[in-house]
Every structure is written in C-alpha cells, then in structure tokens.
PDB file of N, CA and C in Angstrom:
ATOM      1  N   UNK A   1      -7.533  -5.116 -68.664  1.00  0.00           N
ATOM      2  CA  UNK A   1      -6.840  -5.714 -67.260  1.00  0.00           C
ATOM      3  C   UNK A   1      -6.355  -5.314 -66.162  1.00  0.00           C
ATOM      4  N   UNK A   2      -5.340  -4.236 -66.546  1.00  0.00           N
ATOM      5  CA  UNK A   2      -4.750  -3.302 -65.426  1.00  0.00           C
ATOM      6  C   UNK A   2      -6.038  -2.775 -64.868  1.00  0.00           C
ATOM      7  N   UNK A   3      -6.694  -2.305 -65.522  1.00  0.00           N
ATOM      8  CA  UNK A   3      -7.490  -1.050 -64.515  1.00  0.00           C
ATOM      9  C   UNK A   3      -8.580  -1.932 -63.902  1.00  0.00           C
ATOM     10  N   UNK A   4      -8.971  -3.262 -64.085  1.00  0.00           N
ATOM     11  CA  UNK A   4      -9.873  -4.354 -63.001  1.00  0.00           C
ATOM     12  C   UNK A   4      -8.753  -4.545 -62.071  1.00  0.00           C
ATOM     13  N   UNK A   5      -7.708  -4.528 -62.380  1.00  0.00           N
ATOM     14  CA  UNK A   5      -6.626  -5.262 -61.177  1.00  0.00           C
ATOM     15  C   UNK A   5      -6.890  -3.842 -59.894  1.00  0.00           C
ATOM     16  N   UNK A   6      -6.720  -2.753 -60.737  1.00  0.00           N
ATOM     17  CA  UNK A   6      -6.417  -1.370 -60.222  1.00  0.00           C
ATOM     18  C   UNK A   6      -7.861  -0.980 -59.291  1.00  0.00           C
ATOM     19  N   UNK A   7      -8.764  -1.522 -60.013  1.00  0.00           N
ATOM     20  CA  UNK A   7     -10.128  -1.449 -58.995  1.00  0.00           C
ATOM     21  C   UNK A   7     -10.184  -2.087 -58.052  1.00  0.00           C
ATOM     22  N   UNK A   8      -9.723  -3.467 -58.232  1.00  0.00           N
ATOM     23  CA  UNK A   8      -9.931  -4.248 -57.052  1.00  0.00           C
ATOM     24  C   UNK A   8      -8.867  -4.224 -56.143  1.00  0.00           C
ATOM     25  N   UNK A   9      -7.953  -3.649 -56.110  1.00  0.00           N
ATOM     26  CA  UNK A   9      -6.992  -3.278 -54.932  1.00  0.00           C
ATOM     27  C   UNK A   9      -7.834  -1.962 -54.580  1.00  0.00           C
ATOM     28  N   UNK A  10      -8.105  -1.096 -55.362  1.00  0.00           N
ATOM     29  CA  UNK A  10      -8.751   0.315 -54.519  1.00  0.00           C
ATOM     30  C   UNK A  10      -9.789  -0.314 -53.866  1.00  0.00           C
ATOM     31  N   UNK A  11     -10.828  -0.819 -54.304  1.00  0.00           N
ATOM     32  CA  UNK A  11     -11.531  -1.123 -53.421  1.00  0.00           C
ATOM     33  C   UNK A  11     -11.335  -2.325 -52.016  1.00  0.00           C
ATOM     34  N   UNK A  12     -10.783  -3.063 -52.290  1.00  0.00           N
ATOM     35  CA  UNK A  12     -10.030  -3.985 -51.244  1.00  0.00           C
ATOM     36  C   UNK A  12      -9.220  -2.896 -50.146  1.00  0.00           C
ATOM     37  N   UNK A  13      -8.875  -1.848 -50.494  1.00  0.00           N
ATOM     38  CA  UNK A  13      -8.113  -0.961 -49.910  1.00  0.00           C
ATOM     39  C   UNK A  13      -9.166  -0.203 -49.095  1.00  0.00           C
ATOM     40  N   UNK A  14     -10.269   0.161 -49.801  1.00  0.00           N
ATOM     41  CA  UNK A  14     -11.548   0.987 -48.988  1.00  0.00           C
ATOM     42  C   UNK A  14     -12.046   0.244 -48.078  1.00  0.00           C
ATOM     43  N   UNK A  15     -12.362  -1.348 -48.258  1.00  0.00           N
ATOM     44  CA  UNK A  15     -12.824  -1.823 -47.421  1.00  0.00           C
ATOM     45  C   UNK A  15     -12.279  -2.583 -46.250  1.00  0.00           C
ATOM     46  N   UNK A  16     -11.082  -2.538 -46.363  1.00  0.00           N
ATOM     47  CA  UNK A  16     -10.172  -2.467 -45.423  1.00  0.00           C
ATOM     48  C   UNK A  16      -9.961  -1.394 -44.337  1.00  0.00           C
ATOM     49  N   UNK A  17      -9.942  -0.099 -44.832  1.00  0.00           N
ATOM     50  CA  UNK A  17      -9.871   0.674 -44.017  1.00  0.00           C
ATOM     51  C   UNK A  17     -11.288   0.962 -43.214  1.00  0.00           C
ATOM     52  N   UNK A  18     -11.982   0.707 -44.041  1.00  0.00           N
ATOM     53  CA  UNK A  18     -13.677   0.671 -43.250  1.00  0.00           C
ATOM     54  C   UNK A  18     -13.706  -0.243 -42.231  1.00  0.00           C
ATOM     55  N   UNK A  19     -13.050  -1.331 -42.387  1.00  0.00           N
ATOM     56  CA  UNK A  19     -13.072  -2.312 -41.407  1.00  0.00           C
ATOM     57  C   UNK A  19     -12.341  -1.796 -40.061  1.00  0.00           C
ATOM     58  N   UNK A  20     -11.058  -1.649 -40.130  1.00  0.00           N
ATOM     59  CA  UNK A  20     -10.173  -0.849 -39.189  1.00  0.00           C
ATOM     60  C   UNK A  20     -10.833   0.123 -38.748  1.00  0.00           C
ATOM     61  N   UNK A  21     -11.521   1.051 -39.147  1.00  0.00           N
ATOM     62  CA  UNK A  21     -12.119   2.246 -38.512  1.00  0.00           C
ATOM     63  C   UNK A  21     -13.421   2.110 -37.666  1.00  0.00           C
ATOM     64  N   UNK A  22     -14.023   0.905 -38.348  1.00  0.00           N
ATOM     65  CA  UNK A  22     -15.280   0.073 -37.776  1.00  0.00           C
ATOM     66  C   UNK A  22     -14.961  -0.573 -36.452  1.00  0.00           C
ATOM     67  N   UNK A  23     -13.623  -1.343 -36.382  1.00  0.00           N
ATOM     68  CA  UNK A  23     -13.294  -1.827 -35.352  1.00  0.00           C
ATOM     69  C   UNK A  23     -12.620  -0.982 -34.396  1.00  0.00           C
ATOM     70  N   UNK A  24     -12.040  -0.073 -34.340  1.00  0.00           N
ATOM     71  CA  UNK A  24     -11.305   1.013 -33.806  1.00  0.00           C
ATOM     72  C   UNK A  24     -12.302   1.928 -32.948  1.00  0.00           C
ATOM     73  N   UNK A  25     -13.344   2.098 -33.546  1.00  0.00           N
ATOM     74  CA  UNK A  25     -14.301   2.762 -32.888  1.00  0.00           C
ATOM     75  C   UNK A  25     -15.175   1.804 -31.955  1.00  0.00           C
ATOM     76  N   UNK A  26     -15.321   0.958 -32.470  1.00  0.00           N
ATOM     77  CA  UNK A  26     -15.973  -0.265 -30.918  1.00  0.00           C
ATOM     78  C   UNK A  26     -14.868  -0.404 -30.113  1.00  0.00           C
ATOM     79  N   UNK A  27     -13.911  -0.637 -30.259  1.00  0.00           N
ATOM     80  CA  UNK A  27     -12.998  -0.870 -29.176  1.00  0.00           C
ATOM     81  C   UNK A  27     -12.781   0.171 -28.415  1.00  0.00           C
ATOM     82  N   UNK A  28     -12.985   1.690 -28.988  1.00  0.00           N
ATOM     83  CA  UNK A  28     -12.746   2.703 -27.936  1.00  0.00           C
ATOM     84  C   UNK A  28     -14.016   3.112 -27.369  1.00  0.00           C
ATOM     85  N   UNK A  29     -15.558   2.538 -27.988  1.00  0.00           N
ATOM     86  CA  UNK A  29     -16.629   2.689 -27.325  1.00  0.00           C
ATOM     87  C   UNK A  29     -16.543   1.571 -26.061  1.00  0.00           C
ATOM     88  N   UNK A  30     -15.839   0.709 -26.039  1.00  0.00           N
ATOM     89  CA  UNK A  30     -15.910  -0.351 -24.742  1.00  0.00           C
ATOM     90  C   UNK A  30     -14.791  -0.217 -24.013  1.00  0.00           C
ATOM     91  N   UNK A  31     -13.889   0.649 -24.494  1.00  0.00           N
ATOM     92  CA  UNK A  31     -12.811   0.968 -23.244  1.00  0.00           C
ATOM     93  C   UNK A  31     -13.245   2.197 -22.420  1.00  0.00           C
ATOM     94  N   UNK A  32     -13.923   3.258 -23.180  1.00  0.00           N
ATOM     95  CA  UNK A  32     -14.685   4.294 -22.788  1.00  0.00           C
ATOM     96  C   UNK A  32     -15.849   3.691 -21.490  1.00  0.00           C
ATOM     97  N   UNK A  33     -16.312   2.801 -21.793  1.00  0.00           N
ATOM     98  CA  UNK A  33     -17.012   2.304 -20.755  1.00  0.00           C
ATOM     99  C   UNK A  33     -16.582   1.779 -19.511  1.00  0.00           C
ATOM    100  N   UNK A  34     -15.509   0.969 -20.115  1.00  0.00           N
ATOM    101  CA  UNK A  34     -14.600   0.604 -18.903  1.00  0.00           C
ATOM    102  C   UNK A  34     -14.022   1.327 -18.245  1.00  0.00           C
ATOM    103  N   UNK A  35     -13.223   2.286 -18.840  1.00  0.00           N
ATOM    104  CA  UNK A  35     -12.735   3.406 -17.860  1.00  0.00           C
ATOM    105  C   UNK A  35     -13.711   4.475 -16.918  1.00  0.00           C
ATOM    106  N   UNK A  36     -14.890   4.574 -17.686  1.00  0.00           N
ATOM    107  CA  UNK A  36     -15.720   5.361 -16.776  1.00  0.00           C
ATOM    108  C   UNK A  36     -16.253   4.572 -15.750  1.00  0.00           C
ATOM    109  N   UNK A  37     -16.418   3.302 -16.016  1.00  0.00           N
ATOM    110  CA  UNK A  37     -17.175   2.478 -14.774  1.00  0.00           C
ATOM    111  C   UNK A  37     -16.266   2.366 -13.760  1.00  0.00           C
ATOM    112  N   UNK A  38     -14.774   2.073 -13.980  1.00  0.00           N
ATOM    113  CA  UNK A  38     -13.599   2.420 -13.112  1.00  0.00           C
ATOM    114  C   UNK A  38     -13.562   3.462 -12.557  1.00  0.00           C
ATOM    115  N   UNK A  39     -13.562   4.675 -12.840  1.00  0.00           N
ATOM    116  CA  UNK A  39     -13.640   5.864 -12.487  1.00  0.00           C
ATOM    117  C   UNK A  39     -14.848   6.086 -11.394  1.00  0.00           C
ATOM    118  N   UNK A  40     -15.900   5.754 -11.797  1.00  0.00           N
ATOM    119  CA  UNK A  40     -16.762   5.720 -10.813  1.00  0.00           C
ATOM    120  C   UNK A  40     -16.618   4.984  -9.549  1.00  0.00           C
ATOM    121  N   UNK A  41     -16.113   4.150  -9.534  1.00  0.00           N
ATOM    122  CA  UNK A  41     -15.611   3.020  -8.542  1.00  0.00           C
ATOM    123  C   UNK A  41     -14.632   3.843  -7.785  1.00  0.00           C
ATOM    124  N   UNK A  42     -13.700   4.342  -8.299  1.00  0.00           N
ATOM    125  CA  UNK A  42     -12.692   5.110  -7.780  1.00  0.00           C
ATOM    126  C   UNK A  42     -13.153   6.400  -7.062  1.00  0.00           C
ATOM    127  N   UNK A  43     -14.116   6.771  -7.438  1.00  0.00           N
ATOM    128  CA  UNK A  43     -14.922   8.041  -6.594  1.00  0.00           C
ATOM    129  C   UNK A  43     -15.529   7.557  -5.670  1.00  0.00           C
ATOM    130  N   UNK A  44     -16.336   6.399  -6.140  1.00  0.00           N
ATOM    131  CA  UNK A  44     -16.756   5.931  -4.411  1.00  0.00           C
ATOM    132  C   UNK A  44     -16.055   5.474  -3.607  1.00  0.00           C
ATOM    133  N   UNK A  45     -15.249   4.632  -3.851  1.00  0.00           N
ATOM    134  CA  UNK A  45     -14.230   4.447  -2.960  1.00  0.00           C
ATOM    135  C   UNK A  45     -13.456   5.610  -1.872  1.00  0.00           C
ATOM    136  N   UNK A  46     -13.024   6.678  -2.668  1.00  0.00           N
ATOM    137  CA  UNK A  46     -12.678   7.570  -2.130  1.00  0.00           C
ATOM    138  C   UNK A  46     -13.284   8.396  -0.908  1.00  0.00           C
ATOM    139  N   UNK A  47     -14.578   8.435  -1.675  1.00  0.00           N
ATOM    140  CA  UNK A  47     -15.756   9.101  -0.962  1.00  0.00           C
ATOM    141  C   UNK A  47     -15.876   8.502   0.643  1.00  0.00           C
ATOM    142  N   UNK A  48     -16.060   7.106   0.202  1.00  0.00           N
ATOM    143  CA  UNK A  48     -16.608   6.074   1.696  1.00  0.00           C
ATOM    144  C   UNK A  48     -15.532   6.032   2.431  1.00  0.00           C
ATOM    145  N   UNK A  49     -14.108   6.054   2.044  1.00  0.00           N
ATOM    146  CA  UNK A  49     -13.049   5.910   2.786  1.00  0.00           C
ATOM    147  C   UNK A  49     -12.813   6.891   4.027  1.00  0.00           C
ATOM    148  N   UNK A  50     -12.625   6.194   4.941  1.00  0.00           N
ATOM    149  CA  UNK A  50     -12.432   6.618   6.304  1.00  0.00           C
ATOM    150  C   UNK A  50     -11.292   6.512   7.358  1.00  0.00           C
ATOM    151  N   UNK A  51     -10.284   6.953   7.441  1.00  0.00           N
ATOM    152  CA  UNK A  51      -8.885   6.769   8.206  1.00  0.00           C
ATOM    153  C   UNK A  51      -9.197   6.434   9.825  1.00  0.00           C
ATOM    154  N   UNK A  52      -9.654   5.560  10.599  1.00  0.00           N
ATOM    155  CA  UNK A  52      -9.818   5.515  11.556  1.00  0.00           C
ATOM    156  C   UNK A  52      -8.474   5.096  12.491  1.00  0.00           C
ATOM    157  N   UNK A  53      -7.573   4.689  11.957  1.00  0.00           N
ATOM    158  CA  UNK A  53      -6.689   4.272  12.189  1.00  0.00           C
ATOM    159  C   UNK A  53      -5.810   4.669  13.524  1.00  0.00           C
ATOM    160  N   UNK A  54      -5.594   4.002  14.283  1.00  0.00           N
ATOM    161  CA  UNK A  54      -5.025   4.466  15.753  1.00  0.00           C
ATOM    162  C   UNK A  54      -3.625   4.320  15.530  1.00  0.00           C
ATOM    163  N   UNK A  55      -2.383   5.402  16.282  1.00  0.00           N
ATOM    164  CA  UNK A  55      -1.051   5.179  16.319  1.00  0.00           C
ATOM    165  C   UNK A  55      -0.926   3.692  16.855  1.00  0.00           C
ATOM    166  N   UNK A  56       0.230   3.597  16.378  1.00  0.00           N
ATOM    167  CA  UNK A  56       0.803   2.122  16.438  1.00  0.00           C
ATOM    168  C   UNK A  56       1.682   2.131  18.033  1.00  0.00           C
ATOM    169  N   UNK A  57       2.107   3.494  17.983  1.00  0.00           N
ATOM    170  CA  UNK A  57       2.804   3.781  19.149  1.00  0.00           C
ATOM    171  C   UNK A  57       2.561   4.721  19.968  1.00  0.00           C
ATOM    172  N   UNK A  58       2.202   3.976  21.309  1.00  0.00           N
ATOM    173  CA  UNK A  58       1.622   5.004  22.284  1.00  0.00           C
ATOM    174  C   UNK A  58       2.608   4.983  23.617  1.00  0.00           C
ATOM    175  N   UNK A  59       3.133   6.099  23.795  1.00  0.00           N
ATOM    176  CA  UNK A  59       4.313   6.397  24.643  1.00  0.00           C
ATOM    177  C   UNK A  59       3.697   6.561  25.966  1.00  0.00           C
ATOM    178  N   UNK A  60       4.035   5.501  26.804  1.00  0.00           N
ATOM    179  CA  UNK A  60       3.222   5.913  28.278  1.00  0.00           C
ATOM    180  C   UNK A  60       4.654   6.006  29.333  1.00  0.00           C
ATOM    181  N   UNK A  61       5.762   6.480  28.786  1.00  0.00           N
ATOM    182  CA  UNK A  61       6.850   6.598  29.599  1.00  0.00           C
ATOM    183  C   UNK A  61       7.232   8.165  29.810  1.00  0.00           C
ATOM    184  N   UNK A  62       7.765   8.451  30.305  1.00  0.00           N
ATOM    185  CA  UNK A  62       8.830   9.532  30.538  1.00  0.00           C
ATOM    186  C   UNK A  62       9.849  10.055  29.516  1.00  0.00           C
ATOM    187  N   UNK A  63       9.844   9.215  28.630  1.00  0.00           N
ATOM    188  CA  UNK A  63      10.910   9.277  27.373  1.00  0.00           C
ATOM    189  C   UNK A  63      10.339  10.105  26.015  1.00  0.00           C
ATOM    190  N   UNK A  64      11.299  10.983  26.061  1.00  0.00           N
ATOM    191  CA  UNK A  64      10.587  11.822  24.401  1.00  0.00           C
ATOM    192  C   UNK A  64      11.276  11.070  23.378  1.00  0.00           C
ATOM    193  N   UNK A  65      10.210  10.901  22.436  1.00  0.00           N
ATOM    194  CA  UNK A  65      11.146  10.229  21.255  1.00  0.00           C
ATOM    195  C   UNK A  65      11.108  11.431  20.250  1.00  0.00           C
ATOM    196  N   UNK A  66      12.276  11.709  19.415  1.00  0.00           N
ATOM    197  CA  UNK A  66      11.963  12.798  18.510  1.00  0.00           C
ATOM    198  C   UNK A  66      11.417  12.207  17.192  1.00  0.00           C
ATOM    199  N   UNK A  67      10.588  13.389  16.366  1.00  0.00           N
ATOM    200  CA  UNK A  67       9.620  12.742  15.170  1.00  0.00           C
ATOM    201  C   UNK A  67      10.355  11.644  14.297  1.00  0.00           C
ATOM    202  N   UNK A  68      11.735  11.788  13.985  1.00  0.00           N
ATOM    203  CA  UNK A  68      12.285  10.854  13.117  1.00  0.00           C
ATOM    204  C   UNK A  68      12.051   9.261  13.813  1.00  0.00           C
ATOM    205  N   UNK A  69      12.276   9.266  15.121  1.00  0.00           N
ATOM    206  CA  UNK A  69      11.966   7.739  15.746  1.00  0.00           C
ATOM    207  C   UNK A  69      10.801   7.318  15.922  1.00  0.00           C
ATOM    208  N   UNK A  70       9.530   8.131  16.186  1.00  0.00           N
ATOM    209  CA  UNK A  70       8.262   8.047  15.838  1.00  0.00           C
ATOM    210  C   UNK A  70       8.064   7.587  14.899  1.00  0.00           C
ATOM    211  N   UNK A  71       8.236   7.917  13.601  1.00  0.00           N
ATOM    212  CA  UNK A  71       7.987   7.497  12.473  1.00  0.00           C
ATOM    213  C   UNK A  71       8.432   6.111  11.980  1.00  0.00           C
ATOM    214  N   UNK A  72      10.051   6.190  12.354  1.00  0.00           N
ATOM    215  CA  UNK A  72      10.620   4.595  12.500  1.00  0.00           C
ATOM    216  C   UNK A  72       9.580   3.451  13.261  1.00  0.00           C
ATOM    217  N   UNK A  73       9.370   4.049  14.358  1.00  0.00           N
ATOM    218  CA  UNK A  73       8.284   3.296  15.416  1.00  0.00           C
ATOM    219  C   UNK A  73       6.827   2.551  14.549  1.00  0.00           C
ATOM    220  N   UNK A  74       6.464   3.753  13.714  1.00  0.00           N
ATOM    221  CA  UNK A  74       4.898   3.543  13.569  1.00  0.00           C
ATOM    222  C   UNK A  74       5.111   2.593  12.430  1.00  0.00           C
ATOM    223  N   UNK A  75       6.406   2.550  11.879  1.00  0.00           N
ATOM    224  CA  UNK A  75       6.544   1.329  10.467  1.00  0.00           C
ATOM    225  C   UNK A  75       6.321  -0.260  10.664  1.00  0.00           C
ATOM    226  N   UNK A  76       6.832  -0.141  12.337  1.00  0.00           N
ATOM    227  CA  UNK A  76       6.125  -1.570  12.744  1.00  0.00           C
ATOM    228  C   UNK A  76       7.559  -2.636  12.538  1.00  0.00           C
ATOM    229  N   UNK A  77       7.642  -3.651  13.078  1.00  0.00           N
ATOM    230  CA  UNK A  77       8.869  -4.420  13.209  1.00  0.00           C
ATOM    231  C   UNK A  77       9.326  -5.040  12.126  1.00  0.00           C
ATOM    232  N   UNK A  78       8.785  -4.708  10.948  1.00  0.00           N
ATOM    233  CA  UNK A  78       9.566  -5.452   9.922  1.00  0.00           C
ATOM    234  C   UNK A  78      10.414  -4.208   9.418  1.00  0.00           C
ATOM    235  N   UNK A  79      10.482  -3.041  10.319  1.00  0.00           N
ATOM    236  CA  UNK A  79      11.726  -2.322   9.933  1.00  0.00           C
ATOM    237  C   UNK A  79      12.709  -2.577  11.174  1.00  0.00           C
ATOM    238  N   UNK A  80      12.622  -3.223  11.794  1.00  0.00           N
ATOM    239  CA  UNK A  80      13.859  -3.433  12.821  1.00  0.00           C
ATOM    240  C   UNK A  80      15.398  -3.633  12.122  1.00  0.00           C
ATOM    241  N   UNK A  81      16.006  -2.817  12.635  1.00  0.00           N
ATOM    242  CA  UNK A  81      17.526  -2.913  12.058  1.00  0.00           C
ATOM    243  C   UNK A  81      18.152  -4.475  12.028  1.00  0.00           C
ATOM    244  N   UNK A  82      17.865  -5.377  13.307  1.00  0.00           N
ATOM    245  CA  UNK A  82      18.126  -6.802  13.427  1.00  0.00           C
ATOM    246  C   UNK A  82      17.287  -7.239  14.568  1.00  0.00           C
ATOM    247  N   UNK A  83      16.888  -8.909  14.333  1.00  0.00           N
ATOM    248  CA  UNK A  83      16.058  -9.636  15.046  1.00  0.00           C
ATOM    249  C   UNK A  83      16.609  -9.619  16.391  1.00  0.00           C
ATOM    250  N   UNK A  84      15.668  -9.591  17.683  1.00  0.00           N
ATOM    251  CA  UNK A  84      16.092  -9.939  18.784  1.00  0.00           C
ATOM    252  C   UNK A  84      16.054 -11.539  19.376  1.00  0.00           C
ATOM    253  N   UNK A  85      16.950 -12.290  18.855  1.00  0.00           N
ATOM    254  CA  UNK A  85      16.472 -13.849  19.134  1.00  0.00           C
ATOM    255  C   UNK A  85      16.485 -14.036  20.547  1.00  0.00           C
ATOM    256  N   UNK A  86      17.056 -13.604  21.305  1.00  0.00           N
ATOM    257  CA  UNK A  86      16.943 -13.823  23.076  1.00  0.00           C
ATOM    258  C   UNK A  86      16.426 -12.544  23.768  1.00  0.00           C
ATOM    259  N   UNK A  87      14.917 -12.300  23.148  1.00  0.00           N
ATOM    260  CA  UNK A  87      14.401 -11.225  23.971  1.00  0.00           C
ATOM    261  C   UNK A  87      14.026 -11.409  25.438  1.00  0.00           C
ATOM    262  N   UNK A  88      13.897 -12.523  25.607  1.00  0.00           N
ATOM    263  CA  UNK A  88      13.516 -13.223  27.103  1.00  0.00           C
ATOM    264  C   UNK A  88      14.512 -12.811  27.774  1.00  0.00           C
ATOM    265  N   UNK A  89      15.810 -13.497  27.334  1.00  0.00           N
ATOM    266  CA  UNK A  89      16.750 -12.890  28.578  1.00  0.00           C
ATOM    267  C   UNK A  89      17.373 -11.098  28.390  1.00  0.00           C
ATOM    268  N   UNK A  90      16.766 -10.697  27.281  1.00  0.00           N
ATOM    269  CA  UNK A  90      17.048  -9.274  27.317  1.00  0.00           C
ATOM    270  C   UNK A  90      15.860  -8.566  28.336  1.00  0.00           C
ATOM    271  N   UNK A  91      15.118  -9.093  28.326  1.00  0.00           N
ATOM    272  CA  UNK A  91      13.861  -8.849  29.214  1.00  0.00           C
ATOM    273  C   UNK A  91      14.483  -9.248  30.787  1.00  0.00           C
ATOM    274  N   UNK A  92      14.615  -9.930  30.784  1.00  0.00           N
ATOM    275  CA  UNK A  92      15.391 -10.755  32.443  1.00  0.00           C
ATOM    276  C   UNK A  92      16.446  -9.464  32.841  1.00  0.00           C
ATOM    277  N   UNK A  93      17.208  -9.268  31.687  1.00  0.00           N
ATOM    278  CA  UNK A  93      18.196  -8.318  32.443  1.00  0.00           C
ATOM    279  C   UNK A  93      17.617  -7.178  32.908  1.00  0.00           C
ATOM    280  N   UNK A  94      16.740  -6.395  31.850  1.00  0.00           N
ATOM    281  CA  UNK A  94      16.195  -5.210  32.021  1.00  0.00           C
ATOM    282  C   UNK A  94      15.151  -5.148  33.368  1.00  0.00           C
ATOM    283  N   UNK A  95      14.637  -6.406  33.328  1.00  0.00           N
ATOM    284  CA  UNK A  95      13.875  -6.414  34.519  1.00  0.00           C
ATOM    285  C   UNK A  95      14.554  -6.117  36.126  1.00  0.00           C
ATOM    286  N   UNK A  96      15.857  -7.152  35.983  1.00  0.00           N
ATOM    287  CA  UNK A  96      16.913  -7.434  37.151  1.00  0.00           C
ATOM    288  C   UNK A  96      17.429  -5.896  37.158  1.00  0.00           C
ATOM    289  N   UNK A  97      17.398  -4.937  36.641  1.00  0.00           N
ATOM    290  CA  UNK A  97      18.144  -4.054  36.498  1.00  0.00           C
ATOM    291  C   UNK A  97      17.112  -3.092  37.229  1.00  0.00           C
ATOM    292  N   UNK A  98      16.254  -2.752  36.630  1.00  0.00           N
ATOM    293  CA  UNK A  98      14.936  -2.302  37.246  1.00  0.00           C
ATOM    294  C   UNK A  98      14.927  -2.395  38.598  1.00  0.00           C
ATOM    295  N   UNK A  99      14.903  -3.714  39.015  1.00  0.00           N
ATOM    296  CA  UNK A  99      14.501  -4.097  40.634  1.00  0.00           C
ATOM    297  C   UNK A  99      15.698  -3.657  41.560  1.00  0.00           C
ATOM    298  N   UNK A 100      16.774  -3.509  40.989  1.00  0.00           N
ATOM    299  CA  UNK A 100      18.157  -3.582  41.511  1.00  0.00           C
ATOM    300  C   UNK A 100      18.026  -1.625  42.012  1.00  0.00           C
ATOM    301  N   UNK A 101      17.292  -1.233  40.994  1.00  0.00           N
ATOM    302  CA  UNK A 101      17.415   0.364  41.231  1.00  0.00           C
ATOM    303  C   UNK A 101      15.910   0.805  42.417  1.00  0.00           C
ATOM    304  N   UNK A 102      15.219  -0.432  42.760  1.00  0.00           N
ATOM    305  CA  UNK A 102      14.502   0.171  43.736  1.00  0.00           C
ATOM    306  C   UNK A 102      15.039  -0.021  44.977  1.00  0.00           C
ATOM    307  N   UNK A 103      14.505   0.723  45.897  1.00  0.00           N
ATOM    308  CA  UNK A 103      14.795   0.665  47.615  1.00  0.00           C
ATOM    309  C   UNK A 103      14.709  -0.819  47.923  1.00  0.00           C
ATOM    310  N   UNK A 104      15.806  -0.894  48.963  1.00  0.00           N
ATOM    311  CA  UNK A 104      15.881  -2.468  49.541  1.00  0.00           C
ATOM    312  C   UNK A 104      14.518  -3.282  49.973  1.00  0.00           C
ATOM    313  N   UNK A 105      13.929  -2.215  50.539  1.00  0.00           N
ATOM    314  CA  UNK A 105      12.469  -2.751  50.858  1.00  0.00           C
ATOM    315  C   UNK A 105      11.585  -3.211  50.214  1.00  0.00           C
ATOM    316  N   UNK A 106      11.443  -2.581  48.882  1.00  0.00           N
ATOM    317  CA  UNK A 106      10.807  -3.015  47.708  1.00  0.00           C
ATOM    318  C   UNK A 106      11.411  -3.845  46.899  1.00  0.00           C
ATOM    319  N   UNK A 107      12.629  -4.389  46.688  1.00  0.00           N
ATOM    320  CA  UNK A 107      13.056  -5.233  46.170  1.00  0.00           C
ATOM    321  C   UNK A 107      12.407  -6.802  46.331  1.00  0.00           C
ATOM    322  N   UNK A 108      12.450  -7.076  47.316  1.00  0.00           N
ATOM    323  CA  UNK A 108      11.485  -8.652  47.588  1.00  0.00           C
ATOM    324  C   UNK A 108      10.317  -8.780  47.720  1.00  0.00           C
ATOM    325  N   UNK A 109       9.634  -7.688  47.372  1.00  0.00           N
ATOM    326  CA  UNK A 109       8.434  -7.700  47.129  1.00  0.00           C
ATOM    327  C   UNK A 109       7.380  -8.612  46.598  1.00  0.00           C
ATOM    328  N   UNK A 110       6.699  -9.700  46.914  1.00  0.00           N
ATOM    329  CA  UNK A 110       6.135 -10.554  45.685  1.00  0.00           C
ATOM    330  C   UNK A 110       4.586 -10.554  46.095  1.00  0.00           C
ATOM    331  N   UNK A 111       3.741 -11.115  45.318  1.00  0.00           N
ATOM    332  CA  UNK A 111       2.567 -10.870  45.054  1.00  0.00           C
ATOM    333  C   UNK A 111       1.413 -12.388  46.162  1.00  0.00           C
TER     334      UNK A 111
END
C-alpha cells in the first residue's frame, strides 16, 4: 500500500511540475511578444520625434540675463517664487516711471 501512495505522489509531483513549466513557458512567450511590440513602438517614436520647440524666452531688451536666469525663465510661470496679485498696478507704476524718464515734450504725447 505504501508503494502505491508513493507512486501516486511521485506521479502527482511530475504532473504538477510539468504543468507549472508549461504555464511558465506560455507566460514567457506572451510577455516576450508584448515587450517586443512595445520596444518596436518606442523605437518608432524615437525615430519620428522632432524637437521643433521655440525658446520660451526671447529677449528684445538690452538686458543681459545669466544662463541660470534664462534656465529659470524658460521653465515658465509655474516656477515663479510668488504670484503677483496686483500686476496691473505694478505695470502702471513701471509705465509711469518710464514716462517720467522721457523728455518733457515727449511725455504728453497722445495718439
């Protein structure tokens, strides 16, 4: 009787091992196909990608910015250290300051 039980467990072990190996091979095969497909898509995207981005900051003034300042400016508005709530008033003050620096005859110019 013990021999029959031993044979049963031995056969059960062999079948279980065979089933597990078969399932593992099937999973590996499916995953290889998926990864190959993803790799091909990635290669295609890398080949097609062109960087036609324009710089975000174009300096039309006579002010020279350091490379660190340009890097910060190119990051955009979300990297401002604080938000200016009263930007209209700031603009008004800056415009008034600029006008006062003009010659007296040019200060009253209207369109």
